Amino acid sequence: DVCGAGFTQNKDLKHHRTIHTGEKPYKCDVCNVGFARRQQLKAHQRTHTQEKPYKCGVCGKGFNQNGDLERHKRT
């Protein structure tokens, strides 16, 4: 145990371990960039497809990640 963090589910521990090991098992099939989490890969893949599922309710602008939409809404 490297940092002492505790988890109730083994899958959460496995995900957390990638922080310490640098392991990036999820690879983009377009550009071969690696990611520690599947969700990170899915968000990245939208940069290749131009899919923008997160839409601003005020101006209609689309974003490929929810965090980008949230940042847009704060400005």
Protein backbone atom coordinates (compact mmCIF):
# COMPACT_ATOMS: atom_id res chain seq x y z
CA ASP A 1 0.00 0.00 0.00
CA VAL A 2 1.62 3.23 -1.15
CA CYS A 3 -0.55 6.03 0.25
CA GLY A 4 -2.88 4.36 2.74
CA ALA A 5 -6.07 5.22 0.86
CA GLY A 6 -8.89 2.78 1.55
CA PHE A 7 -11.62 1.58 -0.78
CA THR A 8 -14.69 -0.59 -0.28
CA GLN A 9 -14.60 -2.00 -3.81
CA ASN A 10 -11.62 -3.65 -5.46
CA LYS A 11 -12.29 -1.90 -8.79
CA ASP A 12 -11.91 1.48 -7.08
CA LEU A 13 -8.57 0.42 -5.62
CA LYS A 14 -7.41 -0.75 -9.06
CA HIS A 15 -8.34 2.61 -10.58
CA HIS A 16 -6.60 4.47 -7.75
CA ARG A 17 -3.41 2.42 -8.13
CA THR A 18 -2.93 3.81 -11.64
CA ILE A 19 -2.14 7.17 -10.02
CA HIS A 20 0.91 5.60 -8.39
CA THR A 21 1.95 3.26 -11.20
CA GLY A 22 1.34 5.57 -14.15
CA GLU A 23 -0.41 2.68 -15.90
CA LYS A 24 -2.62 3.76 -18.81
CA PRO A 25 -4.37 0.64 -20.10
CA TYR A 26 -7.06 2.43 -22.16
CA LYS A 27 -5.61 3.38 -25.56
CA CYS A 28 -7.15 5.57 -28.24
CA ASP A 29 -7.48 3.59 -31.45
CA VAL A 30 -6.98 6.76 -33.52
CA CYS A 31 -3.86 8.34 -32.01
CA ASN A 32 -2.71 5.71 -29.45
CA VAL A 33 -2.75 8.11 -26.48
CA GLY A 34 -3.20 6.19 -23.22
CA PHE A 35 -5.53 6.90 -20.30
CA ALA A 36 -5.84 5.51 -16.79
CA ARG A 37 -9.64 5.47 -16.86
CA ARG A 38 -12.13 4.36 -19.51
CA GLN A 39 -14.18 7.55 -19.05
CA GLN A 40 -11.10 9.66 -19.84
CA LEU A 41 -10.65 7.72 -23.07
CA LYS A 42 -14.30 8.17 -24.03
CA ALA A 43 -14.04 11.94 -23.50
CA HIS A 44 -10.82 12.05 -25.52
CA GLN A 45 -12.35 10.09 -28.41
CA ARG A 46 -14.94 12.83 -28.84
CA THR A 47 -12.09 15.15 -29.91
CA HIS A 48 -11.69 12.92 -32.97
CA THR A 49 -15.40 12.59 -33.76
CA GLN A 50 -16.29 16.23 -33.03
CA GLU A 51 -19.21 14.93 -30.93
CA LYS A 52 -20.33 17.64 -28.50
CA PRO A 53 -23.09 16.18 -26.34
CA TYR A 54 -22.99 18.86 -23.63
CA LYS A 55 -24.98 21.91 -24.80
CA CYS A 56 -25.29 25.31 -23.16
CA GLY A 57 -28.94 26.03 -22.41
CA VAL A 58 -28.39 29.76 -22.93
CA CYS A 59 -26.38 30.09 -26.15
CA GLY A 60 -26.55 26.55 -27.57
CA LYS A 61 -22.78 26.09 -27.84
CA GLY A 62 -21.70 22.44 -27.62
CA PHE A 63 -18.83 20.92 -25.65
CA ASN A 64 -17.27 17.47 -25.71
CA GLN A 65 -16.77 17.34 -21.93
CA ASN A 66 -19.14 18.36 -19.15
CA GLY A 67 -16.34 20.20 -17.33
CA ASP A 68 -15.87 22.47 -20.35
CA LEU A 69 -19.59 23.28 -20.33
CA GLU A 70 -19.49 24.04 -16.60
CA ARG A 71 -16.51 26.38 -17.10
CA HIS A 72 -18.36 28.10 -19.98
CA LYS A 73 -21.43 28.64 -17.77
CA ARG A 74 -19.30 30.34 -15.11
CA THR A 75 -18.00 32.95 -17.56
